[in-house]
């Protein structure tokens, strides 16, 4: 029957082993998720992701503030230069 499908015995065994580990991983993940929902606790992975998101948000906020400060400094320099040019013309 397998020869009709073009599948060899080794291929069948490899597929069964891979299927076993995929199903094992899925069941373990479901159990961990259900446990965290029942107890309200967060897993280490969820906590790590939240910490990374907070750090990223803080880095973005700081970068935005630095960019805004640089932009404001450039505007002030342009305004001062424009005022100096107008004063020199008069």
Protein backbone atom coordinates (compact mmCIF):
# COMPACT_ATOMS: atom_id res chain seq x y z
CA UNK A 1 0.00 0.00 0.00
CA UNK A 2 2.79 2.45 0.84
CA UNK A 3 4.62 1.63 -2.38
CA UNK A 4 1.51 2.60 -4.32
CA UNK A 5 1.65 6.02 -2.66
CA UNK A 6 5.40 6.31 -3.24
CA UNK A 7 6.23 6.33 0.47
CA UNK A 8 9.07 4.24 1.87
CA UNK A 9 9.18 2.77 5.38
CA UNK A 10 11.80 5.27 6.57
CA UNK A 11 9.71 8.19 5.38
CA UNK A 12 6.68 6.83 7.22
CA UNK A 13 8.65 6.42 10.45
CA UNK A 14 10.09 9.93 10.15
CA UNK A 15 6.59 11.39 9.60
CA UNK A 16 5.23 9.52 12.60
CA UNK A 17 8.08 10.71 14.83
CA UNK A 18 7.62 14.32 13.68
CA UNK A 19 3.86 14.06 14.23
CA UNK A 20 4.47 12.75 17.76
CA UNK A 21 6.66 15.71 18.69
CA UNK A 22 4.34 18.27 17.09
CA UNK A 23 1.36 16.89 18.98
CA UNK A 24 3.41 16.70 22.20
CA UNK A 25 4.44 20.36 21.81
CA UNK A 26 0.85 21.47 21.10
CA UNK A 27 -0.55 19.63 24.12
CA UNK A 28 2.15 21.04 26.41
CA UNK A 29 1.51 24.59 25.16
CA UNK A 30 -2.25 24.17 25.67
CA UNK A 31 -1.76 22.89 29.22
CA UNK A 32 0.55 25.79 30.11
CA UNK A 33 -1.89 28.30 28.63
CA UNK A 34 -4.87 26.78 30.45
CA UNK A 35 -2.94 26.76 33.74
CA UNK A 36 -2.02 30.42 33.38
CA UNK A 37 -5.64 31.33 32.60
CA UNK A 38 -6.95 29.37 35.59
CA UNK A 39 -4.42 30.65 38.12
CA UNK A 40 -4.04 34.12 36.63
CA UNK A 41 -0.27 33.77 36.74
CA UNK A 42 1.89 34.67 33.79
CA UNK A 43 4.44 32.28 32.40
CA UNK A 44 8.09 33.24 32.18
CA UNK A 45 7.78 33.68 28.43
CA UNK A 46 4.77 36.01 28.76
CA UNK A 47 6.54 38.02 31.46
CA UNK A 48 9.67 38.28 29.31
CA UNK A 49 7.62 39.49 26.31
CA UNK A 50 5.87 42.13 28.44
CA UNK A 51 9.20 43.33 29.82
CA UNK A 52 10.63 43.57 26.31
CA UNK A 53 7.59 45.53 25.14
CA UNK A 54 7.93 47.97 28.06
CA UNK A 55 11.63 48.47 27.35
CA UNK A 56 10.91 49.04 23.66
CA UNK A 57 8.19 51.56 24.46
CA UNK A 58 10.55 53.41 26.80
CA UNK A 59 13.32 53.47 24.16
CA UNK A 60 10.87 54.83 21.58
CA UNK A 61 9.63 57.51 23.95
CA UNK A 62 13.18 58.64 24.72
CA UNK A 63 14.09 58.65 21.01
CA UNK A 64 11.00 60.73 20.19
CA UNK A 65 11.87 63.23 22.92
CA UNK A 66 15.46 63.51 21.66
CA UNK A 67 14.23 64.01 18.09
CA UNK A 68 11.76 66.69 19.21
CA UNK A 69 14.51 68.49 21.16
CA UNK A 70 16.86 68.45 18.17
CA UNK A 71 14.10 69.68 15.87
CA UNK A 72 13.27 72.51 18.28
CA UNK A 73 16.96 73.47 18.51
CA UNK A 74 17.18 73.63 14.71
CA UNK A 75 14.07 75.80 14.57
CA UNK A 76 15.49 78.15 17.19
CA UNK A 77 18.80 78.36 15.29
CA UNK A 78 16.99 79.16 12.05
CA UNK A 79 14.88 81.82 13.79
CA UNK A 80 17.99 83.39 15.34
CA UNK A 81 19.79 83.36 11.99
CA UNK A 82 16.77 84.89 10.28
CA UNK A 83 16.55 87.60 12.96
CA UNK A 84 20.28 88.33 12.59
CA UNK A 85 19.94 88.61 8.81
CA UNK A 86 16.98 90.98 9.13
CA UNK A 87 18.90 93.08 11.70
CA UNK A 88 21.92 93.30 9.39
CA UNK A 89 19.73 94.43 6.48
CA UNK A 90 18.23 97.29 8.46
